[in-house]
Amino acid sequence: MESIGLYTNQTMLLTGASAADAEEVIRMLCGKAMENGCIEQKFITAILEREKEYPTGLPAAVPVAIPHIHEGCLRSFFSAAVLNEPAAFCSMGDPDEQIDTRIVFLFGITDPSCQTDVLKKFCTIFQDEETMEQLSETEDAEELLHRMKELLGDYLVTEEA
């Protein structure tokens, strides 16, 4: 399979982040994606609307959320936040259930046909409790970038910020 090429760099990976709620985390990560030329403004509106309709909180070993969309995406990308304190996301399985999320993986993809492959790749990471614990304890963006490169391999494209 050819590389999906989710662009990322250290500025798009936040450690020790604080946010009051899911929307604030998503806006923070979208801001980083916009600064790096990966999205246009309509991406932010679209992903927040999608999160309300199709929530992305997952009750993994370390609770995680994976907001994603292709609308308004100029360049496929990956951004993440490791939170100091959990932020509530609605559960993917039951929108009435709140998941106190510790890590948020946000991505945008220009080719929606690749979305399923990316989600499958992330789900294998989420199922590894030890890996998720290590990610949740990561305190440095450079270290987080290194770990994500190891985990995502060819799915990631990195350049210096």
N, C-alpha and C. Protein backbone atom coordinates (compact mmCIF):
# COMPACT_ATOMS: atom_id res chain seq x y z
N MET A 1 0.84 -1.19 0.00
CA MET A 1 0.00 0.00 0.00
C MET A 1 0.88 1.24 0.00
N GLU A 2 0.48 2.25 -0.75
CA GLU A 2 1.30 3.46 -0.78
C GLU A 2 1.10 4.28 0.50
N SER A 3 2.03 5.11 0.80
CA SER A 3 2.01 5.90 2.02
C SER A 3 0.82 6.86 2.04
N ILE A 4 0.18 6.96 3.19
CA ILE A 4 -0.95 7.87 3.34
C ILE A 4 -0.44 9.28 3.57
N GLY A 5 0.68 9.40 4.25
CA GLY A 5 1.34 10.69 4.39
C GLY A 5 0.64 11.72 5.24
N LEU A 6 0.42 11.39 6.51
CA LEU A 6 -0.12 12.36 7.45
C LEU A 6 1.03 13.25 7.92
N TYR A 7 1.01 14.51 7.55
CA TYR A 7 2.06 15.44 7.92
C TYR A 7 1.95 15.78 9.41
N THR A 8 3.08 15.88 10.07
CA THR A 8 3.11 16.38 11.45
C THR A 8 4.49 16.94 11.75
N ASN A 9 4.57 17.67 12.84
CA ASN A 9 5.85 18.15 13.36
C ASN A 9 5.68 18.43 14.85
N GLN A 10 6.75 18.81 15.52
CA GLN A 10 6.69 19.01 16.98
C GLN A 10 5.67 20.06 17.40
N THR A 11 5.46 21.08 16.56
CA THR A 11 4.52 22.14 16.96
C THR A 11 3.07 21.65 16.95
N MET A 12 2.82 20.54 16.28
CA MET A 12 1.46 20.00 16.18
C MET A 12 1.18 18.93 17.23
N LEU A 13 2.16 18.67 18.10
CA LEU A 13 2.02 17.67 19.15
C LEU A 13 2.16 18.37 20.50
N LEU A 14 1.09 18.40 21.25
CA LEU A 14 1.04 19.12 22.51
C LEU A 14 1.14 18.16 23.68
N THR A 15 2.02 18.45 24.61
CA THR A 15 2.13 17.66 25.83
C THR A 15 1.85 18.59 27.00
N GLY A 16 1.30 18.02 28.07
CA GLY A 16 0.98 18.84 29.23
C GLY A 16 -0.07 19.88 28.91
N ALA A 17 -0.94 19.58 27.96
CA ALA A 17 -1.96 20.54 27.53
C ALA A 17 -3.13 20.58 28.51
N SER A 18 -3.77 21.72 28.59
CA SER A 18 -4.95 21.90 29.42
C SER A 18 -6.08 22.44 28.57
N ALA A 19 -7.26 21.86 28.77
CA ALA A 19 -8.45 22.32 28.05
C ALA A 19 -9.67 22.02 28.90
N ALA A 20 -10.64 22.92 28.84
CA ALA A 20 -11.84 22.78 29.65
C ALA A 20 -12.76 21.67 29.13
N ASP A 21 -12.75 21.48 27.79
CA ASP A 21 -13.67 20.52 27.21
C ASP A 21 -13.19 20.08 25.83
N ALA A 22 -13.96 19.20 25.21
CA ALA A 22 -13.60 18.64 23.91
C ALA A 22 -13.43 19.74 22.87
N GLU A 23 -14.34 20.70 22.84
CA GLU A 23 -14.26 21.75 21.83
C GLU A 23 -12.96 22.54 21.96
N GLU A 24 -12.55 22.84 23.18
CA GLU A 24 -11.31 23.60 23.36
C GLU A 24 -10.10 22.81 22.88
N VAL A 25 -10.06 21.51 23.14
CA VAL A 25 -8.94 20.68 22.67
C VAL A 25 -8.92 20.67 21.14
N ILE A 26 -10.08 20.45 20.54
CA ILE A 26 -10.16 20.41 19.08
C ILE A 26 -9.72 21.74 18.49
N ARG A 27 -10.19 22.84 19.06
CA ARG A 27 -9.79 24.16 18.55
C ARG A 27 -8.28 24.39 18.69
N MET A 28 -7.70 23.95 19.80
CA MET A 28 -6.25 24.08 20.01
C MET A 28 -5.48 23.34 18.92
N LEU A 29 -5.88 22.08 18.69
CA LEU A 29 -5.19 21.25 17.69
C LEU A 29 -5.42 21.78 16.28
N CYS A 30 -6.63 22.25 16.01
CA CYS A 30 -6.91 22.83 14.69
C CYS A 30 -6.07 24.09 14.47
N GLY A 31 -5.87 24.86 15.53
CA GLY A 31 -5.04 26.06 15.42
C GLY A 31 -3.63 25.70 14.96
N LYS A 32 -3.08 24.62 15.52
CA LYS A 32 -1.74 24.17 15.13
C LYS A 32 -1.74 23.70 13.67
N ALA A 33 -2.80 22.99 13.27
CA ALA A 33 -2.89 22.53 11.88
C ALA A 33 -3.00 23.71 10.92
N MET A 34 -3.74 24.75 11.34
CA MET A 34 -3.90 25.93 10.49
C MET A 34 -2.56 26.68 10.37
N GLU A 35 -1.86 26.82 11.49
CA GLU A 35 -0.54 27.49 11.47
C GLU A 35 0.42 26.79 10.52
N ASN A 36 0.24 25.49 10.34
CA ASN A 36 1.13 24.70 9.48
C ASN A 36 0.57 24.52 8.07
N GLY A 37 -0.48 25.26 7.74
CA GLY A 37 -1.02 25.25 6.38
C GLY A 37 -1.75 23.98 5.99
N CYS A 38 -2.22 23.23 6.97
CA CYS A 38 -2.87 21.96 6.67
C CYS A 38 -4.38 22.07 6.47
N ILE A 39 -4.99 23.11 7.04
CA ILE A 39 -6.44 23.24 6.96
C ILE A 39 -6.84 24.68 6.68
N GLU A 40 -8.08 24.83 6.25
CA GLU A 40 -8.67 26.16 6.15
C GLU A 40 -9.75 26.27 7.24
N GLN A 41 -10.27 27.47 7.45
CA GLN A 41 -11.19 27.74 8.54
C GLN A 41 -12.39 26.79 8.56
N LYS A 42 -12.92 26.44 7.39
CA LYS A 42 -14.13 25.60 7.37
C LYS A 42 -13.89 24.21 7.96
N PHE A 43 -12.62 23.77 8.02
CA PHE A 43 -12.30 22.49 8.66
C PHE A 43 -12.73 22.53 10.12
N ILE A 44 -12.43 23.63 10.81
CA ILE A 44 -12.73 23.75 12.24
C ILE A 44 -14.23 23.65 12.48
N THR A 45 -15.01 24.40 11.72
CA THR A 45 -16.47 24.35 11.84
C THR A 45 -16.97 22.94 11.56
N ALA A 46 -16.47 22.34 10.49
CA ALA A 46 -16.94 21.01 10.08
C ALA A 46 -16.59 19.94 11.11
N ILE A 47 -15.38 19.99 11.67
CA ILE A 47 -14.99 18.94 12.62
C ILE A 47 -15.75 19.08 13.94
N LEU A 48 -16.02 20.32 14.36
CA LEU A 48 -16.80 20.51 15.59
C LEU A 48 -18.24 20.02 15.39
N GLU A 49 -18.81 20.27 14.23
CA GLU A 49 -20.16 19.78 13.92
C GLU A 49 -20.16 18.25 13.86
N ARG A 50 -19.14 17.69 13.23
CA ARG A 50 -19.07 16.23 13.11
C ARG A 50 -18.94 15.58 14.49
N GLU A 51 -18.17 16.20 15.37
CA GLU A 51 -17.98 15.66 16.71
C GLU A 51 -19.30 15.62 17.48
N LYS A 52 -20.17 16.61 17.25
CA LYS A 52 -21.49 16.62 17.91
C LYS A 52 -22.37 15.49 17.38
N GLU A 53 -22.31 15.27 16.08
CA GLU A 53 -23.16 14.26 15.46
C GLU A 53 -22.59 12.84 15.58
N TYR A 54 -21.27 12.73 15.41
CA TYR A 54 -20.58 11.44 15.47
C TYR A 54 -19.40 11.55 16.43
N PRO A 55 -19.66 11.44 17.73
CA PRO A 55 -18.58 11.63 18.71
C PRO A 55 -17.49 10.57 18.57
N THR A 56 -16.30 10.92 19.05
CA THR A 56 -15.12 10.08 18.83
C THR A 56 -14.41 9.63 20.10
N GLY A 57 -15.04 9.78 21.25
CA GLY A 57 -14.42 9.31 22.50
C GLY A 57 -14.42 7.79 22.56
N LEU A 58 -13.28 7.23 22.96
CA LEU A 58 -13.15 5.77 23.07
C LEU A 58 -12.65 5.39 24.46
N PRO A 59 -13.34 4.45 25.12
CA PRO A 59 -12.93 4.02 26.46
C PRO A 59 -11.82 2.98 26.40
N ALA A 60 -10.66 3.38 25.89
CA ALA A 60 -9.50 2.48 25.80
C ALA A 60 -8.81 2.40 27.16
N ALA A 61 -7.71 1.64 27.22
CA ALA A 61 -6.93 1.52 28.46
C ALA A 61 -6.61 2.91 29.00
N VAL A 62 -6.24 3.81 28.12
CA VAL A 62 -6.13 5.23 28.43
C VAL A 62 -7.17 5.89 27.52
N PRO A 63 -8.23 6.45 28.10
CA PRO A 63 -9.30 7.02 27.27
C PRO A 63 -8.77 8.02 26.25
N VAL A 64 -9.27 7.90 25.03
CA VAL A 64 -8.76 8.64 23.89
C VAL A 64 -9.92 9.13 23.04
N ALA A 65 -9.66 10.17 22.27
CA ALA A 65 -10.62 10.64 21.27
C ALA A 65 -9.87 10.80 19.97
N ILE A 66 -10.58 10.61 18.85
CA ILE A 66 -9.92 10.68 17.55
C ILE A 66 -10.78 11.45 16.55
N PRO A 67 -10.95 12.76 16.80
CA PRO A 67 -11.72 13.57 15.84
C PRO A 67 -11.00 13.62 14.48
N HIS A 68 -11.79 13.50 13.41
CA HIS A 68 -11.22 13.48 12.07
C HIS A 68 -12.28 13.85 11.04
N ILE A 69 -11.82 14.39 9.91
CA ILE A 69 -12.71 14.78 8.82
C ILE A 69 -11.84 15.12 7.62
N HIS A 70 -12.45 15.22 6.46
CA HIS A 70 -11.67 15.62 5.27
C HIS A 70 -12.07 17.00 4.76
N GLU A 71 -13.26 17.44 5.08
CA GLU A 71 -13.73 18.75 4.60
C GLU A 71 -12.83 19.88 5.10
N GLY A 72 -12.35 20.71 4.20
CA GLY A 72 -11.50 21.84 4.57
C GLY A 72 -10.06 21.47 4.81
N CYS A 73 -9.69 20.23 4.50
CA CYS A 73 -8.32 19.77 4.70
C CYS A 73 -7.51 20.07 3.44
N LEU A 74 -6.44 20.83 3.58
CA LEU A 74 -5.58 21.19 2.46
C LEU A 74 -4.43 20.19 2.28
N ARG A 75 -4.02 19.58 3.38
CA ARG A 75 -2.92 18.63 3.40
C ARG A 75 -3.22 17.62 4.51
N SER A 76 -3.13 16.33 4.20
CA SER A 76 -3.38 15.32 5.23
C SER A 76 -2.40 15.54 6.38
N PHE A 77 -2.91 15.46 7.61
CA PHE A 77 -2.07 15.77 8.76
C PHE A 77 -2.51 14.99 9.99
N PHE A 78 -1.65 15.01 10.99
CA PHE A 78 -1.91 14.40 12.29
C PHE A 78 -1.45 15.37 13.36
N SER A 79 -2.29 15.56 14.37
CA SER A 79 -1.96 16.41 15.50
C SER A 79 -2.44 15.68 16.76
N ALA A 80 -1.81 15.93 17.89
CA ALA A 80 -2.21 15.23 19.11
C ALA A 80 -2.00 16.11 20.33
N ALA A 81 -2.79 15.81 21.37
CA ALA A 81 -2.64 16.49 22.66
C ALA A 81 -2.66 15.45 23.77
N VAL A 82 -1.64 15.48 24.60
CA VAL A 82 -1.62 14.71 25.83
C VAL A 82 -2.04 15.69 26.91
N LEU A 83 -3.16 15.41 27.55
CA LEU A 83 -3.77 16.36 28.49
C LEU A 83 -3.32 16.15 29.93
N ASN A 84 -3.09 17.27 30.63
CA ASN A 84 -2.79 17.22 32.07
C ASN A 84 -3.97 16.66 32.84
N GLU A 85 -5.14 17.17 32.53
CA GLU A 85 -6.39 16.73 33.15
C GLU A 85 -7.31 16.27 32.03
N PRO A 86 -8.09 15.21 32.26
CA PRO A 86 -8.97 14.72 31.20
C PRO A 86 -9.99 15.76 30.75
N ALA A 87 -10.36 15.67 29.48
CA ALA A 87 -11.43 16.49 28.90
C ALA A 87 -12.54 15.53 28.45
N ALA A 88 -13.77 15.90 28.72
CA ALA A 88 -14.90 15.02 28.40
C ALA A 88 -15.24 15.07 26.91
N PHE A 89 -15.23 13.90 26.30
CA PHE A 89 -15.71 13.69 24.94
C PHE A 89 -16.88 12.73 25.02
N CYS A 90 -17.84 12.87 24.15
CA CYS A 90 -18.93 11.91 24.11
C CYS A 90 -18.40 10.62 23.49
N SER A 91 -18.94 9.50 23.95
CA SER A 91 -18.49 8.19 23.51
C SER A 91 -18.94 7.88 22.09
N MET A 92 -18.04 7.28 21.32
CA MET A 92 -18.36 6.85 19.97
C MET A 92 -19.48 5.81 20.00
N GLY A 93 -19.47 4.93 21.00
CA GLY A 93 -20.46 3.87 21.10
C GLY A 93 -21.80 4.30 21.66
N ASP A 94 -21.79 5.31 22.53
CA ASP A 94 -23.02 5.80 23.17
C ASP A 94 -22.88 7.30 23.39
N PRO A 95 -23.44 8.12 22.49
CA PRO A 95 -23.28 9.58 22.57
C PRO A 95 -23.74 10.21 23.88
N ASP A 96 -24.55 9.47 24.67
CA ASP A 96 -24.98 10.01 25.96
C ASP A 96 -23.95 9.77 27.05
N GLU A 97 -22.96 8.93 26.77
CA GLU A 97 -21.91 8.63 27.74
C GLU A 97 -20.72 9.56 27.53
N GLN A 98 -20.19 10.09 28.63
CA GLN A 98 -19.00 10.94 28.58
C GLN A 98 -17.75 10.11 28.87
N ILE A 99 -16.72 10.35 28.08
CA ILE A 99 -15.43 9.68 28.27
C ILE A 99 -14.43 10.75 28.71
N ASP A 100 -13.82 10.55 29.87
CA ASP A 100 -12.79 11.48 30.34
C ASP A 100 -11.49 11.16 29.62
N THR A 101 -11.28 11.87 28.54
CA THR A 101 -10.20 11.60 27.59
C THR A 101 -8.87 12.18 28.04
N ARG A 102 -7.82 11.37 27.94
CA ARG A 102 -6.48 11.80 28.33
C ARG A 102 -5.62 12.18 27.14
N ILE A 103 -5.91 11.53 25.97
CA ILE A 103 -5.12 11.81 24.76
C ILE A 103 -6.11 12.05 23.62
N VAL A 104 -5.82 13.08 22.82
CA VAL A 104 -6.66 13.36 21.65
C VAL A 104 -5.77 13.30 20.42
N PHE A 105 -6.14 12.42 19.49
CA PHE A 105 -5.48 12.31 18.19
C PHE A 105 -6.42 12.93 17.18
N LEU A 106 -6.03 14.04 16.59
CA LEU A 106 -6.85 14.70 15.58
C LEU A 106 -6.15 14.53 14.23
N PHE A 107 -6.92 14.16 13.22
CA PHE A 107 -6.33 14.12 11.89
C PHE A 107 -7.30 14.60 10.84
N GLY A 108 -6.71 15.09 9.77
CA GLY A 108 -7.46 15.49 8.59
C GLY A 108 -6.87 14.75 7.42
N ILE A 109 -7.70 14.42 6.47
CA ILE A 109 -7.22 13.62 5.36
C ILE A 109 -7.82 14.13 4.07
N THR A 110 -7.00 14.30 3.07
CA THR A 110 -7.50 14.86 1.80
C THR A 110 -8.20 13.80 0.96
N ASP A 111 -7.86 12.53 1.14
CA ASP A 111 -8.48 11.43 0.40
C ASP A 111 -9.31 10.59 1.36
N PRO A 112 -10.65 10.80 1.39
CA PRO A 112 -11.48 10.08 2.35
C PRO A 112 -11.40 8.56 2.23
N SER A 113 -10.97 8.04 1.08
CA SER A 113 -10.88 6.59 0.93
C SER A 113 -9.77 5.99 1.81
N CYS A 114 -8.86 6.83 2.30
CA CYS A 114 -7.78 6.35 3.18
C CYS A 114 -8.18 6.37 4.66
N GLN A 115 -9.30 6.98 4.97
CA GLN A 115 -9.71 7.17 6.36
C GLN A 115 -9.80 5.86 7.13
N THR A 116 -10.38 4.83 6.55
CA THR A 116 -10.53 3.55 7.24
C THR A 116 -9.18 2.95 7.60
N ASP A 117 -8.22 3.02 6.69
CA ASP A 117 -6.88 2.49 6.98
C ASP A 117 -6.23 3.23 8.14
N VAL A 118 -6.38 4.54 8.16
CA VAL A 118 -5.80 5.34 9.25
C VAL A 118 -6.46 4.97 10.57
N LEU A 119 -7.79 4.87 10.57
CA LEU A 119 -8.50 4.52 11.81
C LEU A 119 -8.09 3.14 12.31
N LYS A 120 -7.94 2.18 11.41
CA LYS A 120 -7.50 0.84 11.82
C LYS A 120 -6.12 0.89 12.46
N LYS A 121 -5.23 1.69 11.88
CA LYS A 121 -3.88 1.82 12.42
C LYS A 121 -3.93 2.40 13.83
N PHE A 122 -4.73 3.45 14.02
CA PHE A 122 -4.86 4.04 15.35
C PHE A 122 -5.46 3.04 16.34
N CYS A 123 -6.45 2.28 15.91
CA CYS A 123 -7.10 1.32 16.81
C CYS A 123 -6.14 0.25 17.31
N THR A 124 -5.16 -0.15 16.49
CA THR A 124 -4.18 -1.12 16.98
C THR A 124 -3.33 -0.49 18.09
N ILE A 125 -3.05 0.79 17.97
CA ILE A 125 -2.30 1.49 19.02
C ILE A 125 -3.13 1.56 20.30
N PHE A 126 -4.41 1.91 20.16
CA PHE A 126 -5.29 2.07 21.33
C PHE A 126 -5.44 0.78 22.12
N GLN A 127 -5.31 -0.35 21.47
CA GLN A 127 -5.50 -1.64 22.14
C GLN A 127 -4.30 -2.08 22.95
N ASP A 128 -3.17 -1.40 22.78
CA ASP A 128 -1.96 -1.75 23.52
C ASP A 128 -1.87 -0.87 24.77
N GLU A 129 -2.25 -1.46 25.89
CA GLU A 129 -2.33 -0.71 27.14
C GLU A 129 -0.99 -0.08 27.53
N GLU A 130 0.10 -0.83 27.40
CA GLU A 130 1.42 -0.31 27.77
C GLU A 130 1.80 0.90 26.91
N THR A 131 1.56 0.79 25.62
CA THR A 131 1.86 1.90 24.70
C THR A 131 1.03 3.13 25.06
N MET A 132 -0.24 2.93 25.33
CA MET A 132 -1.11 4.06 25.66
C MET A 132 -0.68 4.72 26.97
N GLU A 133 -0.29 3.92 27.95
CA GLU A 133 0.20 4.48 29.22
C GLU A 133 1.46 5.31 28.97
N GLN A 134 2.37 4.79 28.15
CA GLN A 134 3.60 5.52 27.84
C GLN A 134 3.27 6.84 27.15
N LEU A 135 2.36 6.80 26.18
CA LEU A 135 1.98 8.03 25.47
C LEU A 135 1.37 9.04 26.44
N SER A 136 0.51 8.57 27.35
CA SER A 136 -0.17 9.48 28.27
C SER A 136 0.79 10.13 29.26
N GLU A 137 1.96 9.53 29.44
CA GLU A 137 2.96 10.07 30.37
C GLU A 137 4.04 10.89 29.67
N THR A 138 3.94 11.00 28.36
CA THR A 138 4.94 11.74 27.59
C THR A 138 4.83 13.23 27.90
N GLU A 139 5.95 13.83 28.25
CA GLU A 139 5.95 15.23 28.68
C GLU A 139 6.66 16.15 27.70
N ASP A 140 7.15 15.62 26.60
CA ASP A 140 7.96 16.39 25.68
C ASP A 140 7.49 16.14 24.24
N ALA A 141 7.27 17.20 23.47
CA ALA A 141 6.77 17.08 22.10
C ALA A 141 7.74 16.29 21.21
N GLU A 142 9.04 16.48 21.41
CA GLU A 142 10.03 15.74 20.61
C GLU A 142 9.91 14.24 20.87
N GLU A 143 9.75 13.88 22.14
CA GLU A 143 9.60 12.47 22.51
C GLU A 143 8.28 11.91 21.94
N LEU A 144 7.22 12.70 22.00
CA LEU A 144 5.94 12.26 21.46
C LEU A 144 6.04 12.05 19.95
N LEU A 145 6.73 12.95 19.26
CA LEU A 145 6.92 12.81 17.82
C LEU A 145 7.68 11.51 17.52
N HIS A 146 8.73 11.26 18.27
CA HIS A 146 9.52 10.04 18.08
C HIS A 146 8.65 8.79 18.28
N ARG A 147 7.86 8.78 19.34
CA ARG A 147 7.00 7.62 19.62
C ARG A 147 5.95 7.43 18.53
N MET A 148 5.37 8.53 18.06
CA MET A 148 4.34 8.42 17.03
C MET A 148 4.94 7.95 15.71
N LYS A 149 6.18 8.36 15.42
CA LYS A 149 6.86 7.86 14.21
C LYS A 149 7.05 6.35 14.30
N GLU A 150 7.45 5.88 15.49
CA GLU A 150 7.62 4.44 15.69
C GLU A 150 6.29 3.71 15.51
N LEU A 151 5.22 4.27 16.03
CA LEU A 151 3.91 3.61 16.00
C LEU A 151 3.22 3.69 14.65
N LEU A 152 3.36 4.81 13.97
CA LEU A 152 2.63 5.02 12.73
C LEU A 152 3.48 4.77 11.48
N GLY A 153 4.79 4.73 11.63
CA GLY A 153 5.67 4.41 10.52
C GLY A 153 5.41 5.26 9.29
N ASP A 154 5.17 4.58 8.16
CA ASP A 154 4.99 5.26 6.87
C ASP A 154 3.74 6.13 6.80
N TYR A 155 2.86 5.99 7.76
CA TYR A 155 1.67 6.83 7.75
C TYR A 155 2.01 8.29 8.02
N LEU A 156 3.14 8.53 8.69
CA LEU A 156 3.54 9.90 9.04
C LEU A 156 4.59 10.44 8.10
N VAL A 157 4.47 11.73 7.83
CA VAL A 157 5.47 12.49 7.08
C VAL A 157 5.88 13.62 8.01
N THR A 158 7.15 13.72 8.33
CA THR A 158 7.60 14.77 9.24
C THR A 158 8.61 15.67 8.57
N GLU A 159 8.54 16.93 8.95
CA GLU A 159 9.50 17.93 8.51
C GLU A 159 9.76 18.82 9.69
N GLU A 160 10.82 19.55 9.64
CA GLU A 160 11.09 20.49 10.72
C GLU A 160 10.07 21.62 10.65
N ALA A 161 9.63 22.06 11.80
CA ALA A 161 8.63 23.15 11.85
C ALA A 161 9.25 24.47 11.46
